[in-house]
């Protein structure tokens, strides 16, 4: 499974309904599961981003499909990073010259 870290900001619609954010995170987890993924961690944060989410998906296409569906609800915008653990990064490095 591929790991993704999403730096998430509420939209104007999302901040107006901040009290529903925990319920929306459950709905987002269900969307991720529909696309073969899972939400591993979610943190509500203060600062530049309102939430940080760690998720896993079988591939990038599944992750993008889920994030598009979540974003289409209009409550959040995400900036998502594909993350690699030490073993995965080692395999990447071994392919270099």
PDB file of N, CA and C in Angstrom:
ATOM      1  N   UNK A   1       0.842  -1.181   0.000  1.00  0.00           N
ATOM      2  CA  UNK A   1       0.000   0.000   0.000  1.00  0.00           C
ATOM      3  C   UNK A   1       0.889   1.245   0.000  1.00  0.00           C
ATOM      4  N   UNK A   2       0.450   2.235  -0.729  1.00  0.00           N
ATOM      5  CA  UNK A   2       1.161   3.509  -0.793  1.00  0.00           C
ATOM      6  C   UNK A   2       0.620   4.447   0.284  1.00  0.00           C
ATOM      7  N   UNK A   3       1.516   5.208   0.906  1.00  0.00           N
ATOM      8  CA  UNK A   3       1.144   6.136   1.970  1.00  0.00           C
ATOM      9  C   UNK A   3       1.074   7.556   1.424  1.00  0.00           C
ATOM     10  N   UNK A   4       0.073   8.309   1.874  1.00  0.00           N
ATOM     11  CA  UNK A   4      -0.121   9.691   1.454  1.00  0.00           C
ATOM     12  C   UNK A   4      -0.371  10.553   2.679  1.00  0.00           C
ATOM     13  N   UNK A   5       0.195  11.763   2.664  1.00  0.00           N
ATOM     14  CA  UNK A   5      -0.027  12.740   3.718  1.00  0.00           C
ATOM     15  C   UNK A   5      -0.742  13.928   3.077  1.00  0.00           C
ATOM     16  N   UNK A   6      -1.929  14.230   3.584  1.00  0.00           N
ATOM     17  CA  UNK A   6      -2.711  15.347   3.038  1.00  0.00           C
ATOM     18  C   UNK A   6      -2.712  16.496   4.034  1.00  0.00           C
ATOM     19  N   UNK A   7      -2.224  17.642   3.594  1.00  0.00           N
ATOM     20  CA  UNK A   7      -2.292  18.884   4.351  1.00  0.00           C
ATOM     21  C   UNK A   7      -3.586  19.547   3.904  1.00  0.00           C
ATOM     22  N   UNK A   8      -4.517  19.688   4.818  1.00  0.00           N
ATOM     23  CA  UNK A   8      -5.899  20.002   4.464  1.00  0.00           C
ATOM     24  C   UNK A   8      -6.341  21.328   5.066  1.00  0.00           C
ATOM     25  N   UNK A   9      -7.025  22.116   4.243  1.00  0.00           N
ATOM     26  CA  UNK A   9      -7.572  23.402   4.689  1.00  0.00           C
ATOM     27  C   UNK A   9      -9.076  23.412   4.471  1.00  0.00           C
ATOM     28  N   UNK A  10      -9.794  23.961   5.441  1.00  0.00           N
ATOM     29  CA  UNK A  10     -11.228  24.123   5.262  1.00  0.00           C
ATOM     30  C   UNK A  10     -11.499  25.204   4.232  1.00  0.00           C
ATOM     31  N   UNK A  11     -12.509  24.984   3.438  1.00  0.00           N
ATOM     32  CA  UNK A  11     -13.011  26.041   2.555  1.00  0.00           C
ATOM     33  C   UNK A  11     -13.930  26.927   3.389  1.00  0.00           C
ATOM     34  N   UNK A  12     -14.459  27.961   2.797  1.00  0.00           N
ATOM     35  CA  UNK A  12     -15.425  28.812   3.503  1.00  0.00           C
ATOM     36  C   UNK A  12     -16.616  27.977   3.966  1.00  0.00           C
ATOM     37  N   UNK A  13     -17.080  27.084   3.110  1.00  0.00           N
ATOM     38  CA  UNK A  13     -18.190  26.186   3.473  1.00  0.00           C
ATOM     39  C   UNK A  13     -17.790  25.284   4.641  1.00  0.00           C
ATOM     40  N   UNK A  14     -16.580  24.760   4.599  1.00  0.00           N
ATOM     41  CA  UNK A  14     -16.115  23.853   5.646  1.00  0.00           C
ATOM     42  C   UNK A  14     -15.972  24.519   6.999  1.00  0.00           C
ATOM     43  N   UNK A  15     -15.452  25.745   7.048  1.00  0.00           N
ATOM     44  CA  UNK A  15     -15.269  26.424   8.331  1.00  0.00           C
ATOM     45  C   UNK A  15     -16.615  26.833   8.925  1.00  0.00           C
ATOM     46  N   UNK A  16     -17.571  27.144   8.072  1.00  0.00           N
ATOM     47  CA  UNK A  16     -18.895  27.511   8.583  1.00  0.00           C
ATOM     48  C   UNK A  16     -19.565  26.349   9.298  1.00  0.00           C
ATOM     49  N   UNK A  17     -19.199  25.135   8.936  1.00  0.00           N
ATOM     50  CA  UNK A  17     -19.777  23.942   9.551  1.00  0.00           C
ATOM     51  C   UNK A  17     -18.698  23.154  10.305  1.00  0.00           C
ATOM     52  N   UNK A  18     -17.795  23.854  10.991  1.00  0.00           N
ATOM     53  CA  UNK A  18     -16.676  23.184  11.666  1.00  0.00           C
ATOM     54  C   UNK A  18     -17.148  22.178  12.709  1.00  0.00           C
ATOM     55  N   UNK A  19     -18.312  22.398  13.288  1.00  0.00           N
ATOM     56  CA  UNK A  19     -18.830  21.476  14.304  1.00  0.00           C
ATOM     57  C   UNK A  19     -19.115  20.086  13.729  1.00  0.00           C
ATOM     58  N   UNK A  20     -19.272  20.002  12.429  1.00  0.00           N
ATOM     59  CA  UNK A  20     -19.559  18.725  11.760  1.00  0.00           C
ATOM     60  C   UNK A  20     -18.289  18.042  11.251  1.00  0.00           C
ATOM     61  N   UNK A  21     -17.130  18.612  11.548  1.00  0.00           N
ATOM     62  CA  UNK A  21     -15.878  18.105  10.984  1.00  0.00           C
ATOM     63  C   UNK A  21     -15.600  16.650  11.358  1.00  0.00           C
ATOM     64  N   UNK A  22     -15.880  16.251  12.591  1.00  0.00           N
ATOM     65  CA  UNK A  22     -15.630  14.856  12.984  1.00  0.00           C
ATOM     66  C   UNK A  22     -16.515  13.909  12.181  1.00  0.00           C
ATOM     67  N   UNK A  23     -17.769  14.289  11.970  1.00  0.00           N
ATOM     68  CA  UNK A  23     -18.661  13.457  11.146  1.00  0.00           C
ATOM     69  C   UNK A  23     -18.181  13.414   9.702  1.00  0.00           C
ATOM     70  N   UNK A  24     -17.692  14.547   9.204  1.00  0.00           N
ATOM     71  CA  UNK A  24     -17.183  14.568   7.832  1.00  0.00           C
ATOM     72  C   UNK A  24     -15.939  13.707   7.695  1.00  0.00           C
ATOM     73  N   UNK A  25     -15.126  13.600   8.755  1.00  0.00           N
ATOM     74  CA  UNK A  25     -13.938  12.753   8.669  1.00  0.00           C
ATOM     75  C   UNK A  25     -14.356  11.291   8.546  1.00  0.00           C
ATOM     76  N   UNK A  26     -15.421  10.908   9.207  1.00  0.00           N
ATOM     77  CA  UNK A  26     -15.930   9.537   9.064  1.00  0.00           C
ATOM     78  C   UNK A  26     -16.430   9.296   7.647  1.00  0.00           C
ATOM     79  N   UNK A  27     -17.090  10.288   7.073  1.00  0.00           N
ATOM     80  CA  UNK A  27     -17.563  10.168   5.690  1.00  0.00           C
ATOM     81  C   UNK A  27     -16.381  10.083   4.728  1.00  0.00           C
ATOM     82  N   UNK A  28     -15.335  10.853   4.994  1.00  0.00           N
ATOM     83  CA  UNK A  28     -14.137  10.805   4.145  1.00  0.00           C
ATOM     84  C   UNK A  28     -13.473   9.438   4.237  1.00  0.00           C
ATOM     85  N   UNK A  29     -13.435   8.872   5.440  1.00  0.00           N
ATOM     86  CA  UNK A  29     -12.857   7.538   5.605  1.00  0.00           C
ATOM     87  C   UNK A  29     -13.650   6.505   4.801  1.00  0.00           C
ATOM     88  N   UNK A  30     -14.961   6.673   4.739  1.00  0.00           N
ATOM     89  CA  UNK A  30     -15.800   5.755   3.956  1.00  0.00           C
ATOM     90  C   UNK A  30     -15.514   5.894   2.464  1.00  0.00           C
ATOM     91  N   UNK A  31     -15.286   7.117   1.995  1.00  0.00           N
ATOM     92  CA  UNK A  31     -14.939   7.329   0.587  1.00  0.00           C
ATOM     93  C   UNK A  31     -13.593   6.666   0.291  1.00  0.00           C
ATOM     94  N   UNK A  32     -12.639   6.832   1.192  1.00  0.00           N
ATOM     95  CA  UNK A  32     -11.331   6.204   1.004  1.00  0.00           C
ATOM     96  C   UNK A  32     -11.472   4.689   0.916  1.00  0.00           C
ATOM     97  N   UNK A  33     -12.275   4.111   1.794  1.00  0.00           N
ATOM     98  CA  UNK A  33     -12.481   2.662   1.785  1.00  0.00           C
ATOM     99  C   UNK A  33     -13.120   2.211   0.475  1.00  0.00           C
ATOM    100  N   UNK A  34     -14.036   3.013  -0.045  1.00  0.00           N
ATOM    101  CA  UNK A  34     -14.690   2.688  -1.319  1.00  0.00           C
ATOM    102  C   UNK A  34     -13.670   2.585  -2.447  1.00  0.00           C
ATOM    103  N   UNK A  35     -12.579   3.338  -2.330  1.00  0.00           N
ATOM    104  CA  UNK A  35     -11.534   3.339  -3.348  1.00  0.00           C
ATOM    105  C   UNK A  35     -10.358   2.429  -2.966  1.00  0.00           C
ATOM    106  N   UNK A  36     -10.575   1.548  -2.004  1.00  0.00           N
ATOM    107  CA  UNK A  36      -9.551   0.580  -1.630  1.00  0.00           C
ATOM    108  C   UNK A  36      -8.538   1.080  -0.626  1.00  0.00           C
ATOM    109  N   UNK A  37      -8.762   2.261  -0.064  1.00  0.00           N
ATOM    110  CA  UNK A  37      -7.803   2.849   0.862  1.00  0.00           C
ATOM    111  C   UNK A  37      -8.304   2.874   2.286  1.00  0.00           C
ATOM    112  N   UNK A  38      -7.525   3.503   3.140  1.00  0.00           N
ATOM    113  CA  UNK A  38      -7.933   3.676   4.533  1.00  0.00           C
ATOM    114  C   UNK A  38      -7.290   4.930   5.108  1.00  0.00           C
ATOM    115  N   UNK A  39      -8.021   5.564   6.011  1.00  0.00           N
ATOM    116  CA  UNK A  39      -7.493   6.709   6.750  1.00  0.00           C
ATOM    117  C   UNK A  39      -6.779   6.150   7.968  1.00  0.00           C
ATOM    118  N   UNK A  40      -5.471   6.336   8.034  1.00  0.00           N
ATOM    119  CA  UNK A  40      -4.676   5.808   9.146  1.00  0.00           C
ATOM    120  C   UNK A  40      -4.671   6.738  10.347  1.00  0.00           C
ATOM    121  N   UNK A  41      -4.593   8.049  10.098  1.00  0.00           N
ATOM    122  CA  UNK A  41      -4.554   9.040  11.169  1.00  0.00           C
ATOM    123  C   UNK A  41      -5.187  10.330  10.660  1.00  0.00           C
ATOM    124  N   UNK A  42      -5.802  11.049  11.582  1.00  0.00           N
ATOM    125  CA  UNK A  42      -6.268  12.402  11.280  1.00  0.00           C
ATOM    126  C   UNK A  42      -6.022  13.251  12.520  1.00  0.00           C
ATOM    127  N   UNK A  43      -5.495  14.442  12.290  1.00  0.00           N
ATOM    128  CA  UNK A  43      -5.274  15.406  13.368  1.00  0.00           C
ATOM    129  C   UNK A  43      -5.884  16.735  12.962  1.00  0.00           C
ATOM    130  N   UNK A  44      -6.604  17.371  13.866  1.00  0.00           N
ATOM    131  CA  UNK A  44      -7.071  18.732  13.669  1.00  0.00           C
ATOM    132  C   UNK A  44      -5.947  19.621  14.175  1.00  0.00           C
ATOM    133  N   UNK A  45      -5.552  20.594  13.391  1.00  0.00           N
ATOM    134  CA  UNK A  45      -4.369  21.387  13.704  1.00  0.00           C
ATOM    135  C   UNK A  45      -4.701  22.877  13.703  1.00  0.00           C
ATOM    136  N   UNK A  46      -3.781  23.643  14.243  1.00  0.00           N
ATOM    137  CA  UNK A  46      -3.879  25.096  14.263  1.00  0.00           C
ATOM    138  C   UNK A  46      -2.693  25.626  13.476  1.00  0.00           C
ATOM    139  N   UNK A  47      -2.939  26.578  12.610  1.00  0.00           N
ATOM    140  CA  UNK A  47      -1.869  27.131  11.797  1.00  0.00           C
ATOM    141  C   UNK A  47      -2.286  27.180  10.345  1.00  0.00           C
ATOM    142  N   UNK A  48      -1.337  26.971   9.468  1.00  0.00           N
ATOM    143  CA  UNK A  48      -1.587  27.076   8.031  1.00  0.00           C
ATOM    144  C   UNK A  48      -2.609  26.060   7.542  1.00  0.00           C
ATOM    145  N   UNK A  49      -2.636  24.880   8.160  1.00  0.00           N
ATOM    146  CA  UNK A  49      -3.566  23.823   7.762  1.00  0.00           C
ATOM    147  C   UNK A  49      -4.504  23.500   8.917  1.00  0.00           C
ATOM    148  N   UNK A  50      -5.711  23.084   8.580  1.00  0.00           N
ATOM    149  CA  UNK A  50      -6.721  22.774   9.586  1.00  0.00           C
ATOM    150  C   UNK A  50      -6.718  21.303   9.983  1.00  0.00           C
ATOM    151  N   UNK A  51      -6.261  20.447   9.072  1.00  0.00           N
ATOM    152  CA  UNK A  51      -6.178  19.016   9.345  1.00  0.00           C
ATOM    153  C   UNK A  51      -4.956  18.441   8.652  1.00  0.00           C
ATOM    154  N   UNK A  52      -4.417  17.386   9.236  1.00  0.00           N
ATOM    155  CA  UNK A  52      -3.383  16.585   8.594  1.00  0.00           C
ATOM    156  C   UNK A  52      -3.905  15.152   8.598  1.00  0.00           C
ATOM    157  N   UNK A  53      -3.920  14.536   7.424  1.00  0.00           N
ATOM    158  CA  UNK A  53      -4.465  13.188   7.277  1.00  0.00           C
ATOM    159  C   UNK A  53      -3.406  12.277   6.677  1.00  0.00           C
ATOM    160  N   UNK A  54      -3.235  11.110   7.276  1.00  0.00           N
ATOM    161  CA  UNK A  54      -2.368  10.078   6.724  1.00  0.00           C
ATOM    162  C   UNK A  54      -3.276   8.952   6.243  1.00  0.00           C
ATOM    163  N   UNK A  55      -3.101   8.592   4.977  1.00  0.00           N
ATOM    164  CA  UNK A  55      -3.935   7.540   4.391  1.00  0.00           C
ATOM    165  C   UNK A  55      -3.082   6.570   3.592  1.00  0.00           C
ATOM    166  N   UNK A  56      -3.648   5.408   3.328  1.00  0.00           N
ATOM    167  CA  UNK A  56      -2.986   4.413   2.497  1.00  0.00           C
ATOM    168  C   UNK A  56      -3.941   3.977   1.394  1.00  0.00           C
ATOM    169  N   UNK A  57      -3.380   3.786   0.208  1.00  0.00           N
ATOM    170  CA  UNK A  57      -4.139   3.338  -0.950  1.00  0.00           C
ATOM    171  C   UNK A  57      -3.304   2.331  -1.723  1.00  0.00           C
ATOM    172  N   UNK A  58      -3.973   1.493  -2.508  1.00  0.00           N
ATOM    173  CA  UNK A  58      -3.220   0.524  -3.290  1.00  0.00           C
ATOM    174  C   UNK A  58      -2.360   1.159  -4.378  1.00  0.00           C
ATOM    175  N   UNK A  59      -2.738   2.365  -4.838  1.00  0.00           N
ATOM    176  CA  UNK A  59      -1.991   3.046  -5.898  1.00  0.00           C
ATOM    177  C   UNK A  59      -2.387   4.515  -5.926  1.00  0.00           C
ATOM    178  N   UNK A  60      -1.623   5.304  -6.688  1.00  0.00           N
ATOM    179  CA  UNK A  60      -1.889   6.745  -6.764  1.00  0.00           C
ATOM    180  C   UNK A  60      -3.239   7.064  -7.382  1.00  0.00           C
ATOM    181  N   UNK A  61      -3.658   6.286  -8.380  1.00  0.00           N
ATOM    182  CA  UNK A  61      -4.930   6.549  -9.041  1.00  0.00           C
ATOM    183  C   UNK A  61      -6.091   6.421  -8.054  1.00  0.00           C
ATOM    184  N   UNK A  62      -6.043   5.425  -7.198  1.00  0.00           N
ATOM    185  CA  UNK A  62      -7.095   5.248  -6.193  1.00  0.00           C
ATOM    186  C   UNK A  62      -7.103   6.413  -5.208  1.00  0.00           C
ATOM    187  N   UNK A  63      -5.925   6.864  -4.805  1.00  0.00           N
ATOM    188  CA  UNK A  63      -5.823   8.000  -3.889  1.00  0.00           C
ATOM    189  C   UNK A  63      -6.403   9.256  -4.517  1.00  0.00           C
ATOM    190  N   UNK A  64      -6.038   9.523  -5.758  1.00  0.00           N
ATOM    191  CA  UNK A  64      -6.530  10.726  -6.438  1.00  0.00           C
ATOM    192  C   UNK A  64      -8.038  10.664  -6.608  1.00  0.00           C
ATOM    193  N   UNK A  65      -8.572   9.500  -6.973  1.00  0.00           N
ATOM    194  CA  UNK A  65     -10.021   9.362  -7.134  1.00  0.00           C
ATOM    195  C   UNK A  65     -10.741   9.679  -5.825  1.00  0.00           C
ATOM    196  N   UNK A  66     -10.241   9.147  -4.713  1.00  0.00           N
ATOM    197  CA  UNK A  66     -10.862   9.415  -3.415  1.00  0.00           C
ATOM    198  C   UNK A  66     -10.756  10.888  -3.050  1.00  0.00           C
ATOM    199  N   UNK A  67      -9.569  11.484  -3.241  1.00  0.00           N
ATOM    200  CA  UNK A  67      -9.385  12.892  -2.881  1.00  0.00           C
ATOM    201  C   UNK A  67     -10.238  13.810  -3.743  1.00  0.00           C
ATOM    202  N   UNK A  68     -10.416  13.460  -5.003  1.00  0.00           N
ATOM    203  CA  UNK A  68     -11.306  14.256  -5.857  1.00  0.00           C
ATOM    204  C   UNK A  68     -12.744  14.191  -5.345  1.00  0.00           C
ATOM    205  N   UNK A  69     -13.175  13.001  -4.983  1.00  0.00           N
ATOM    206  CA  UNK A  69     -14.531  12.845  -4.480  1.00  0.00           C
ATOM    207  C   UNK A  69     -14.728  13.602  -3.167  1.00  0.00           C
ATOM    208  N   UNK A  70     -13.755  13.515  -2.276  1.00  0.00           N
ATOM    209  CA  UNK A  70     -13.832  14.239  -1.000  1.00  0.00           C
ATOM    210  C   UNK A  70     -13.830  15.743  -1.248  1.00  0.00           C
ATOM    211  N   UNK A  71     -12.942  16.216  -2.119  1.00  0.00           N
ATOM    212  CA  UNK A  71     -12.870  17.640  -2.423  1.00  0.00           C
ATOM    213  C   UNK A  71     -14.124  18.173  -3.086  1.00  0.00           C
ATOM    214  N   UNK A  72     -14.789  17.340  -3.881  1.00  0.00           N
ATOM    215  CA  UNK A  72     -15.996  17.772  -4.585  1.00  0.00           C
ATOM    216  C   UNK A  72     -17.140  18.112  -3.627  1.00  0.00           C
ATOM    217  N   UNK A  73     -17.082  17.617  -2.399  1.00  0.00           N
ATOM    218  CA  UNK A  73     -18.106  17.957  -1.412  1.00  0.00           C
ATOM    219  C   UNK A  73     -18.023  19.428  -1.010  1.00  0.00           C
ATOM    220  N   UNK A  74     -16.860  20.047  -1.252  1.00  0.00           N
ATOM    221  CA  UNK A  74     -16.717  21.484  -1.051  1.00  0.00           C
ATOM    222  C   UNK A  74     -16.287  21.936   0.320  1.00  0.00           C
ATOM    223  N   UNK A  75     -15.962  21.023   1.230  1.00  0.00           N
ATOM    224  CA  UNK A  75     -15.588  21.420   2.583  1.00  0.00           C
ATOM    225  C   UNK A  75     -14.098  21.611   2.799  1.00  0.00           C
ATOM    226  N   UNK A  76     -13.280  20.964   1.977  1.00  0.00           N
ATOM    227  CA  UNK A  76     -11.835  21.039   2.153  1.00  0.00           C
ATOM    228  C   UNK A  76     -11.115  21.141   0.822  1.00  0.00           C
ATOM    229  N   UNK A  77      -9.891  21.630   0.896  1.00  0.00           N
ATOM    230  CA  UNK A  77      -8.929  21.599  -0.205  1.00  0.00           C
ATOM    231  C   UNK A  77      -7.694  20.914   0.360  1.00  0.00           C
ATOM    232  N   UNK A  78      -7.069  20.081  -0.452  1.00  0.00           N
ATOM    233  CA  UNK A  78      -5.923  19.331   0.050  1.00  0.00           C
ATOM    234  C   UNK A  78      -4.685  19.573  -0.791  1.00  0.00           C
ATOM    235  N   UNK A  79      -3.559  19.457  -0.131  1.00  0.00           N
ATOM    236  CA  UNK A  79      -2.256  19.381  -0.781  1.00  0.00           C
ATOM    237  C   UNK A  79      -1.684  18.064  -0.298  1.00  0.00           C
ATOM    238  N   UNK A  80      -1.525  17.106  -1.217  1.00  0.00           N
ATOM    239  CA  UNK A  80      -1.209  15.744  -0.810  1.00  0.00           C
ATOM    240  C   UNK A  80       0.178  15.333  -1.273  1.00  0.00           C
ATOM    241  N   UNK A  81       0.895  14.669  -0.374  1.00  0.00           N
ATOM    242  CA  UNK A  81       2.252  14.200  -0.608  1.00  0.00           C
ATOM    243  C   UNK A  81       2.265  12.684  -0.611  1.00  0.00           C
ATOM    244  N   UNK A  82       2.974  12.094  -1.556  1.00  0.00           N
ATOM    245  CA  UNK A  82       3.194  10.644  -1.559  1.00  0.00           C
ATOM    246  C   UNK A  82       4.391  10.406  -0.659  1.00  0.00           C
ATOM    247  N   UNK A  83       4.215   9.634   0.403  1.00  0.00           N
ATOM    248  CA  UNK A  83       5.266   9.425   1.402  1.00  0.00           C
ATOM    249  C   UNK A  83       5.885   8.040   1.260  1.00  0.00           C
ATOM    250  N   UNK A  84       7.174   7.941   1.574  1.00  0.00           N
ATOM    251  CA  UNK A  84       7.908   6.681   1.478  1.00  0.00           C
ATOM    252  C   UNK A  84       8.566   6.387   2.815  1.00  0.00           C
ATOM    253  N   UNK A  85       8.429   5.160   3.299  1.00  0.00           N
ATOM    254  CA  UNK A  85       9.148   4.794   4.517  1.00  0.00           C
ATOM    255  C   UNK A  85      10.604   4.472   4.161  1.00  0.00           C
ATOM    256  N   UNK A  86      11.414   4.118   5.166  1.00  0.00           N
ATOM    257  CA  UNK A  86      12.843   3.901   4.930  1.00  0.00           C
ATOM    258  C   UNK A  86      13.099   2.787   3.923  1.00  0.00           C
ATOM    259  N   UNK A  87      12.364   1.709   4.041  1.00  0.00           N
ATOM    260  CA  UNK A  87      12.539   0.581   3.124  1.00  0.00           C
ATOM    261  C   UNK A  87      12.187   0.965   1.691  1.00  0.00           C
ATOM    262  N   UNK A  88      11.074   1.656   1.524  1.00  0.00           N
ATOM    263  CA  UNK A  88      10.660   2.089   0.183  1.00  0.00           C
ATOM    264  C   UNK A  88      11.667   3.064  -0.414  1.00  0.00           C
ATOM    265  N   UNK A  89      12.160   3.983   0.414  1.00  0.00           N
ATOM    266  CA  UNK A  89      13.141   4.937  -0.085  1.00  0.00           C
ATOM    267  C   UNK A  89      14.435   4.220  -0.465  1.00  0.00           C
ATOM    268  N   UNK A  90      14.816   3.222   0.321  1.00  0.00           N
ATOM    269  CA  UNK A  90      16.005   2.441  -0.002  1.00  0.00           C
ATOM    270  C   UNK A  90      15.878   1.754  -1.348  1.00  0.00           C
ATOM    271  N   UNK A  91      14.694   1.224  -1.653  1.00  0.00           N
ATOM    272  CA  UNK A  91      14.464   0.593  -2.955  1.00  0.00           C
ATOM    273  C   UNK A  91      14.566   1.614  -4.086  1.00  0.00           C
ATOM    274  N   UNK A  92      14.111   2.838  -3.839  1.00  0.00           N
ATOM    275  CA  UNK A  92      14.222   3.906  -4.833  1.00  0.00           C
ATOM    276  C   UNK A  92      15.701   4.233  -5.071  1.00  0.00           C
ATOM    277  N   UNK A  93      16.440   4.409  -3.987  1.00  0.00           N
ATOM    278  CA  UNK A  93      17.857   4.763  -4.085  1.00  0.00           C
ATOM    279  C   UNK A  93      18.639   3.670  -4.822  1.00  0.00           C
ATOM    280  N   UNK A  94      18.272   2.412  -4.585  1.00  0.00           N
ATOM    281  CA  UNK A  94      19.003   1.332  -5.230  1.00  0.00           C
ATOM    282  C   UNK A  94      18.840   1.340  -6.749  1.00  0.00           C
ATOM    283  N   UNK A  95      17.865   2.045  -7.258  1.00  0.00           N
ATOM    284  CA  UNK A  95      17.659   2.139  -8.711  1.00  0.00           C
ATOM    285  C   UNK A  95      18.471   3.261  -9.335  1.00  0.00           C
ATOM    286  N   UNK A  96      19.144   4.050  -8.516  1.00  0.00           N
ATOM    287  CA  UNK A  96      19.940   5.157  -9.044  1.00  0.00           C
ATOM    288  C   UNK A  96      21.348   4.674  -9.364  1.00  0.00           C
ATOM    289  N   UNK A  97      22.043   5.468 -10.162  1.00  0.00           N
ATOM    290  CA  UNK A  97      23.399   5.099 -10.590  1.00  0.00           C
ATOM    291  C   UNK A  97      24.466   5.408  -9.625  1.00  0.00           C
TER     292      UNK A  97
END
